[in-house]
Amino acid sequence: MKIETNLSLLFPRQLANKILAHAQQNPETEICGLISSQNQHPKHYYPIPNSAENAGLRFHMDEQAQISAMKKMREQNEELLAIVHSHPHSEAIPSALDEQEHQYPDAYYLIVSLNTTGVLDLRAFKQINQRFQPVELILEHPDN
């Protein structure tokens, strides 16, 4: 059964650029991080070191860095909005492992693909009924 959703996420271009730059600076590693929000508005990107044994094929957020980022969010009255990671050699769609290991069902899931020609691919997803569904990612310009 396919679930149709009309979800969208308004996302600042400045934050998207930080995520894309992080991925470009680490082309052979799955980068990862967290996006915070205030009042459902994306605020900050917290890059987290990837501590996976094979960081080119999967990601595992460094636990201490993740705890530190979550603490900083709470101190700034922010909430977790999204989990971010990259796919250096595959499409920007959740893998079976991504779906299996996703532990924040209320968070959006942003994936960057470096497996492109020219512009990098950044896509958003949301977990609905145990499955990731595509979310329209609307990049807003600072002057909007």
N, C-alpha and C. Protein backbone atom coordinates (compact mmCIF):
# COMPACT_ATOMS: atom_id res chain seq x y z
N MET A 1 0.84 -1.18 0.00
CA MET A 1 0.00 0.00 0.00
C MET A 1 0.88 1.24 0.00
N LYS A 2 0.72 2.10 -0.96
CA LYS A 2 1.48 3.34 -1.03
C LYS A 2 0.72 4.43 -0.29
N ILE A 3 1.43 5.16 0.53
CA ILE A 3 0.82 6.25 1.29
C ILE A 3 1.15 7.56 0.60
N GLU A 4 0.15 8.32 0.26
CA GLU A 4 0.36 9.63 -0.37
C GLU A 4 0.43 10.68 0.72
N THR A 5 1.43 11.52 0.64
CA THR A 5 1.55 12.61 1.61
C THR A 5 1.73 13.91 0.85
N ASN A 6 1.32 14.97 1.47
CA ASN A 6 1.52 16.30 0.92
C ASN A 6 2.38 17.11 1.87
N LEU A 7 3.40 16.48 2.41
CA LEU A 7 4.28 17.15 3.35
C LEU A 7 5.28 18.04 2.63
N SER A 8 5.57 19.16 3.25
CA SER A 8 6.64 20.03 2.74
C SER A 8 7.39 20.61 3.93
N LEU A 9 8.61 21.00 3.68
CA LEU A 9 9.46 21.59 4.70
C LEU A 9 10.10 22.84 4.11
N LEU A 10 9.78 23.98 4.69
CA LEU A 10 10.39 25.24 4.29
C LEU A 10 11.74 25.31 4.99
N PHE A 11 12.81 25.43 4.20
CA PHE A 11 14.15 25.27 4.73
C PHE A 11 15.05 26.40 4.25
N PRO A 12 15.74 27.10 5.15
CA PRO A 12 16.61 28.20 4.74
C PRO A 12 17.75 27.73 3.84
N ARG A 13 17.93 28.42 2.73
CA ARG A 13 19.01 28.08 1.79
C ARG A 13 20.37 28.11 2.50
N GLN A 14 20.55 29.03 3.44
CA GLN A 14 21.82 29.15 4.17
C GLN A 14 22.14 27.84 4.91
N LEU A 15 21.15 27.21 5.54
CA LEU A 15 21.38 25.93 6.22
C LEU A 15 21.67 24.83 5.21
N ALA A 16 20.94 24.83 4.11
CA ALA A 16 21.19 23.84 3.06
C ALA A 16 22.61 23.96 2.55
N ASN A 17 23.08 25.19 2.36
CA ASN A 17 24.45 25.40 1.88
C ASN A 17 25.48 24.87 2.87
N LYS A 18 25.23 25.00 4.17
CA LYS A 18 26.16 24.47 5.19
C LYS A 18 26.23 22.94 5.10
N ILE A 19 25.08 22.32 4.92
CA ILE A 19 25.04 20.86 4.81
C ILE A 19 25.78 20.40 3.55
N LEU A 20 25.50 21.06 2.42
CA LEU A 20 26.14 20.69 1.16
C LEU A 20 27.65 20.90 1.23
N ALA A 21 28.09 21.99 1.86
CA ALA A 21 29.53 22.24 2.01
C ALA A 21 30.18 21.17 2.87
N HIS A 22 29.51 20.78 3.95
CA HIS A 22 30.03 19.72 4.82
C HIS A 22 30.20 18.42 4.03
N ALA A 23 29.22 18.09 3.20
CA ALA A 23 29.30 16.87 2.39
C ALA A 23 30.43 16.98 1.36
N GLN A 24 30.56 18.13 0.71
CA GLN A 24 31.60 18.30 -0.31
C GLN A 24 32.99 18.23 0.30
N GLN A 25 33.15 18.68 1.53
CA GLN A 25 34.46 18.65 2.18
C GLN A 25 34.84 17.25 2.64
N ASN A 26 33.88 16.34 2.64
CA ASN A 26 34.10 14.96 3.08
C ASN A 26 33.50 13.99 2.06
N PRO A 27 34.02 13.99 0.81
CA PRO A 27 33.36 13.26 -0.27
C PRO A 27 33.38 11.73 -0.14
N GLU A 28 34.24 11.18 0.68
CA GLU A 28 34.31 9.72 0.82
C GLU A 28 33.71 9.22 2.12
N THR A 29 33.13 10.13 2.90
CA THR A 29 32.57 9.79 4.20
C THR A 29 31.10 10.19 4.24
N GLU A 30 30.27 9.38 4.86
CA GLU A 30 28.89 9.79 5.10
C GLU A 30 28.93 10.82 6.24
N ILE A 31 28.72 12.07 5.88
CA ILE A 31 28.67 13.10 6.92
C ILE A 31 27.35 12.94 7.66
N CYS A 32 27.28 13.48 8.87
CA CYS A 32 26.02 13.43 9.61
C CYS A 32 25.91 14.64 10.53
N GLY A 33 24.69 14.93 10.93
CA GLY A 33 24.46 16.07 11.80
C GLY A 33 23.00 16.20 12.16
N LEU A 34 22.72 17.26 12.90
CA LEU A 34 21.37 17.53 13.38
C LEU A 34 20.96 18.94 12.98
N ILE A 35 19.68 19.12 12.71
CA ILE A 35 19.11 20.44 12.46
C ILE A 35 18.16 20.74 13.61
N SER A 36 18.32 21.92 14.18
CA SER A 36 17.43 22.34 15.26
C SER A 36 16.37 23.30 14.71
N SER A 37 15.33 23.51 15.51
CA SER A 37 14.29 24.47 15.13
C SER A 37 13.78 25.20 16.36
N GLN A 38 13.20 26.34 16.11
CA GLN A 38 12.44 27.09 17.11
C GLN A 38 11.11 27.39 16.47
N ASN A 39 10.02 27.01 17.15
CA ASN A 39 8.68 27.23 16.61
C ASN A 39 8.54 26.66 15.20
N GLN A 40 9.09 25.47 14.99
CA GLN A 40 9.03 24.76 13.71
C GLN A 40 9.80 25.45 12.58
N HIS A 41 10.65 26.42 12.90
CA HIS A 41 11.48 27.09 11.90
C HIS A 41 12.91 26.60 12.06
N PRO A 42 13.50 26.00 11.02
CA PRO A 42 14.88 25.52 11.11
C PRO A 42 15.83 26.63 11.53
N LYS A 43 16.73 26.32 12.46
CA LYS A 43 17.64 27.34 13.01
C LYS A 43 19.11 27.06 12.76
N HIS A 44 19.60 25.92 13.25
CA HIS A 44 21.04 25.66 13.22
C HIS A 44 21.34 24.25 12.70
N TYR A 45 22.52 24.15 12.07
CA TYR A 45 23.05 22.85 11.67
C TYR A 45 24.19 22.50 12.62
N TYR A 46 24.08 21.34 13.25
CA TYR A 46 25.11 20.85 14.15
C TYR A 46 25.79 19.66 13.48
N PRO A 47 26.96 19.87 12.85
CA PRO A 47 27.68 18.72 12.27
C PRO A 47 28.16 17.80 13.39
N ILE A 48 28.01 16.51 13.21
CA ILE A 48 28.41 15.52 14.21
C ILE A 48 29.40 14.57 13.53
N PRO A 49 30.54 14.30 14.17
CA PRO A 49 31.48 13.35 13.57
C PRO A 49 30.84 11.96 13.38
N ASN A 50 31.17 11.33 12.26
CA ASN A 50 30.71 9.99 11.96
C ASN A 50 31.68 9.00 12.60
N SER A 51 31.20 8.23 13.57
CA SER A 51 32.07 7.28 14.28
C SER A 51 31.88 5.84 13.79
N ALA A 52 31.20 5.65 12.67
CA ALA A 52 31.00 4.30 12.13
C ALA A 52 32.34 3.71 11.71
N GLU A 53 32.47 2.41 11.86
CA GLU A 53 33.70 1.73 11.46
C GLU A 53 33.97 1.90 9.97
N ASN A 54 32.94 1.80 9.15
CA ASN A 54 33.08 2.01 7.72
C ASN A 54 32.27 3.26 7.35
N ALA A 55 32.85 4.42 7.64
CA ALA A 55 32.15 5.70 7.49
C ALA A 55 31.86 6.07 6.04
N GLY A 56 32.40 5.34 5.10
CA GLY A 56 32.09 5.59 3.70
C GLY A 56 30.80 4.95 3.25
N LEU A 57 30.29 3.99 4.06
CA LEU A 57 29.10 3.25 3.68
C LEU A 57 27.94 3.40 4.65
N ARG A 58 28.18 3.96 5.81
CA ARG A 58 27.12 4.14 6.79
C ARG A 58 27.49 5.24 7.76
N PHE A 59 26.53 5.68 8.54
CA PHE A 59 26.86 6.68 9.54
C PHE A 59 26.40 6.25 10.92
N HIS A 60 27.17 6.66 11.89
CA HIS A 60 26.83 6.49 13.31
C HIS A 60 27.33 7.75 13.99
N MET A 61 26.41 8.54 14.51
CA MET A 61 26.81 9.80 15.13
C MET A 61 27.64 9.54 16.39
N ASP A 62 28.75 10.28 16.50
CA ASP A 62 29.56 10.23 17.71
C ASP A 62 28.65 10.58 18.89
N GLU A 63 28.57 9.68 19.85
CA GLU A 63 27.60 9.83 20.93
C GLU A 63 27.83 11.09 21.76
N GLN A 64 29.08 11.38 22.12
CA GLN A 64 29.34 12.56 22.94
C GLN A 64 29.02 13.85 22.20
N ALA A 65 29.34 13.90 20.91
CA ALA A 65 29.04 15.09 20.11
C ALA A 65 27.53 15.25 19.95
N GLN A 66 26.82 14.14 19.79
CA GLN A 66 25.37 14.20 19.66
C GLN A 66 24.73 14.70 20.97
N ILE A 67 25.18 14.18 22.08
CA ILE A 67 24.67 14.62 23.39
C ILE A 67 24.95 16.11 23.59
N SER A 68 26.15 16.53 23.23
CA SER A 68 26.52 17.94 23.36
C SER A 68 25.64 18.84 22.50
N ALA A 69 25.36 18.42 21.26
CA ALA A 69 24.50 19.21 20.37
C ALA A 69 23.07 19.27 20.92
N MET A 70 22.56 18.16 21.43
CA MET A 70 21.20 18.15 21.99
C MET A 70 21.12 19.05 23.22
N LYS A 71 22.17 19.05 24.02
CA LYS A 71 22.22 19.92 25.21
C LYS A 71 22.20 21.38 24.78
N LYS A 72 23.00 21.70 23.78
CA LYS A 72 23.05 23.08 23.29
C LYS A 72 21.68 23.52 22.75
N MET A 73 21.00 22.60 22.07
CA MET A 73 19.65 22.90 21.57
C MET A 73 18.72 23.26 22.73
N ARG A 74 18.74 22.42 23.77
CA ARG A 74 17.86 22.68 24.92
C ARG A 74 18.18 24.03 25.55
N GLU A 75 19.48 24.35 25.69
CA GLU A 75 19.89 25.62 26.28
C GLU A 75 19.41 26.82 25.47
N GLN A 76 19.25 26.63 24.17
CA GLN A 76 18.82 27.72 23.29
C GLN A 76 17.32 27.64 22.97
N ASN A 77 16.60 26.82 23.74
CA ASN A 77 15.15 26.62 23.53
C ASN A 77 14.84 26.17 22.11
N GLU A 78 15.67 25.27 21.61
CA GLU A 78 15.47 24.70 20.28
C GLU A 78 15.07 23.23 20.44
N GLU A 79 14.51 22.68 19.38
CA GLU A 79 14.13 21.28 19.34
C GLU A 79 14.79 20.60 18.16
N LEU A 80 14.88 19.29 18.22
CA LEU A 80 15.40 18.54 17.08
C LEU A 80 14.38 18.57 15.97
N LEU A 81 14.78 19.03 14.80
CA LEU A 81 13.90 19.06 13.63
C LEU A 81 14.26 17.95 12.64
N ALA A 82 15.58 17.74 12.41
CA ALA A 82 15.97 16.81 11.36
C ALA A 82 17.30 16.14 11.65
N ILE A 83 17.42 14.94 11.12
CA ILE A 83 18.67 14.18 11.10
C ILE A 83 19.21 14.32 9.67
N VAL A 84 20.51 14.57 9.55
CA VAL A 84 21.14 14.78 8.25
C VAL A 84 22.24 13.74 8.05
N HIS A 85 22.34 13.21 6.85
CA HIS A 85 23.54 12.45 6.49
C HIS A 85 23.67 12.44 4.97
N SER A 86 24.83 11.98 4.51
CA SER A 86 25.09 11.96 3.07
C SER A 86 25.28 10.54 2.58
N HIS A 87 25.09 10.40 1.28
CA HIS A 87 25.40 9.16 0.57
C HIS A 87 26.44 9.51 -0.48
N PRO A 88 27.72 9.22 -0.22
CA PRO A 88 28.77 9.57 -1.18
C PRO A 88 28.65 8.87 -2.52
N HIS A 89 28.11 7.65 -2.53
CA HIS A 89 28.13 6.85 -3.77
C HIS A 89 26.75 6.34 -4.18
N SER A 90 25.69 6.87 -3.59
CA SER A 90 24.35 6.41 -3.97
C SER A 90 23.36 7.57 -3.93
N GLU A 91 22.14 7.30 -4.33
CA GLU A 91 21.11 8.32 -4.42
C GLU A 91 20.73 8.87 -3.04
N ALA A 92 20.07 10.02 -3.05
CA ALA A 92 19.60 10.65 -1.81
C ALA A 92 18.23 10.09 -1.44
N ILE A 93 18.21 8.79 -1.20
CA ILE A 93 17.00 8.13 -0.72
C ILE A 93 17.39 7.21 0.43
N PRO A 94 16.51 7.03 1.40
CA PRO A 94 16.87 6.19 2.56
C PRO A 94 17.14 4.74 2.14
N SER A 95 18.21 4.20 2.66
CA SER A 95 18.53 2.79 2.43
C SER A 95 17.73 1.95 3.43
N ALA A 96 17.74 0.64 3.24
CA ALA A 96 17.08 -0.26 4.19
C ALA A 96 17.70 -0.10 5.57
N LEU A 97 19.01 0.08 5.62
CA LEU A 97 19.69 0.29 6.90
C LEU A 97 19.27 1.61 7.54
N ASP A 98 19.11 2.66 6.73
CA ASP A 98 18.64 3.95 7.25
C ASP A 98 17.27 3.77 7.92
N GLU A 99 16.38 3.06 7.24
CA GLU A 99 15.03 2.86 7.79
C GLU A 99 15.08 2.03 9.07
N GLN A 100 15.91 1.02 9.08
CA GLN A 100 16.02 0.12 10.22
C GLN A 100 16.58 0.84 11.45
N GLU A 101 17.56 1.72 11.24
CA GLU A 101 18.26 2.33 12.37
C GLU A 101 17.72 3.70 12.78
N HIS A 102 16.73 4.22 12.08
CA HIS A 102 16.16 5.54 12.38
C HIS A 102 15.51 5.52 13.77
N GLN A 103 15.97 6.39 14.67
CA GLN A 103 15.49 6.35 16.05
C GLN A 103 14.71 7.58 16.48
N TYR A 104 14.49 8.50 15.57
CA TYR A 104 13.74 9.72 15.91
C TYR A 104 12.57 9.85 14.94
N PRO A 105 11.47 9.15 15.18
CA PRO A 105 10.38 9.12 14.21
C PRO A 105 9.70 10.48 13.98
N ASP A 106 9.84 11.42 14.90
CA ASP A 106 9.23 12.73 14.72
C ASP A 106 10.11 13.68 13.91
N ALA A 107 11.36 13.31 13.70
CA ALA A 107 12.30 14.18 13.00
C ALA A 107 12.23 13.94 11.49
N TYR A 108 12.47 15.00 10.74
CA TYR A 108 12.67 14.86 9.31
C TYR A 108 14.01 14.18 9.09
N TYR A 109 14.21 13.68 7.90
CA TYR A 109 15.43 12.98 7.55
C TYR A 109 15.93 13.61 6.26
N LEU A 110 17.08 14.27 6.30
CA LEU A 110 17.64 14.91 5.11
C LEU A 110 18.84 14.11 4.64
N ILE A 111 18.87 13.84 3.34
CA ILE A 111 19.97 13.07 2.76
C ILE A 111 20.56 13.84 1.58
N VAL A 112 21.89 13.93 1.57
CA VAL A 112 22.63 14.55 0.48
C VAL A 112 23.27 13.44 -0.33
N SER A 113 23.15 13.52 -1.65
CA SER A 113 23.87 12.58 -2.51
C SER A 113 24.99 13.32 -3.22
N LEU A 114 26.19 12.72 -3.16
CA LEU A 114 27.32 13.23 -3.92
C LEU A 114 27.48 12.45 -5.21
N ASN A 115 26.59 11.48 -5.43
CA ASN A 115 26.62 10.63 -6.61
C ASN A 115 25.84 11.30 -7.74
N THR A 116 26.24 12.53 -8.07
CA THR A 116 25.54 13.33 -9.07
C THR A 116 26.56 14.01 -9.98
N THR A 117 26.08 14.55 -11.06
CA THR A 117 26.92 15.36 -11.93
C THR A 117 26.47 16.80 -11.75
N GLY A 118 27.38 17.66 -11.36
CA GLY A 118 27.02 19.06 -11.16
C GLY A 118 26.49 19.31 -9.77
N VAL A 119 25.24 19.76 -9.67
CA VAL A 119 24.64 20.15 -8.40
C VAL A 119 24.39 18.93 -7.52
N LEU A 120 24.69 19.05 -6.23
CA LEU A 120 24.42 17.97 -5.29
C LEU A 120 22.92 17.84 -5.09
N ASP A 121 22.48 16.67 -4.70
CA ASP A 121 21.07 16.38 -4.50
C ASP A 121 20.78 16.34 -3.00
N LEU A 122 19.86 17.19 -2.52
CA LEU A 122 19.44 17.20 -1.12
C LEU A 122 17.94 16.92 -1.09
N ARG A 123 17.56 15.86 -0.38
CA ARG A 123 16.15 15.48 -0.31
C ARG A 123 15.73 15.29 1.15
N ALA A 124 14.43 15.46 1.39
CA ALA A 124 13.86 15.31 2.73
C ALA A 124 12.84 14.18 2.75
N PHE A 125 12.75 13.55 3.93
CA PHE A 125 11.82 12.45 4.14
C PHE A 125 11.25 12.55 5.55
N LYS A 126 10.12 11.89 5.76
CA LYS A 126 9.50 11.81 7.08
C LYS A 126 9.01 10.39 7.27
N GLN A 127 9.19 9.87 8.48
CA GLN A 127 8.75 8.51 8.74
C GLN A 127 7.25 8.52 9.06
N ILE A 128 6.48 7.78 8.26
CA ILE A 128 5.04 7.67 8.45
C ILE A 128 4.70 6.19 8.38
N ASN A 129 4.05 5.69 9.44
CA ASN A 129 3.70 4.26 9.51
C ASN A 129 4.91 3.36 9.24
N GLN A 130 6.01 3.68 9.90
CA GLN A 130 7.23 2.86 9.84
C GLN A 130 7.98 2.93 8.51
N ARG A 131 7.55 3.78 7.58
CA ARG A 131 8.23 3.89 6.28
C ARG A 131 8.55 5.35 6.00
N PHE A 132 9.67 5.59 5.34
CA PHE A 132 10.03 6.95 4.94
C PHE A 132 9.21 7.36 3.72
N GLN A 133 8.65 8.55 3.78
CA GLN A 133 7.90 9.13 2.68
C GLN A 133 8.60 10.42 2.24
N PRO A 134 8.64 10.71 0.95
CA PRO A 134 9.28 11.95 0.47
C PRO A 134 8.55 13.19 0.99
N VAL A 135 9.33 14.22 1.25
CA VAL A 135 8.81 15.51 1.70
C VAL A 135 9.35 16.55 0.73
N GLU A 136 8.48 17.43 0.27
CA GLU A 136 8.93 18.51 -0.60
C GLU A 136 9.81 19.47 0.21
N LEU A 137 11.05 19.63 -0.22
CA LEU A 137 11.98 20.54 0.44
C LEU A 137 11.97 21.86 -0.31
N ILE A 138 11.46 22.90 0.34
CA ILE A 138 11.35 24.21 -0.28
C ILE A 138 12.44 25.10 0.30
N LEU A 139 13.42 25.43 -0.55
CA LEU A 139 14.53 26.26 -0.09
C LEU A 139 14.12 27.73 -0.17
N GLU A 140 14.22 28.41 0.97
CA GLU A 140 13.86 29.82 1.00
C GLU A 140 15.12 30.67 0.97
N HIS A 141 15.03 31.76 0.25
CA HIS A 141 16.13 32.71 0.16
C HIS A 141 16.07 33.63 1.37
N PRO A 142 17.21 34.17 1.82
CA PRO A 142 17.23 35.05 2.99
C PRO A 142 16.32 36.26 2.86
N ASP A 143 16.05 36.73 1.65
CA ASP A 143 15.22 37.92 1.48
C ASP A 143 13.74 37.59 1.32
N ASN A 144 13.36 36.31 1.49
CA ASN A 144 11.93 35.93 1.39
C ASN A 144 11.20 36.32 2.66
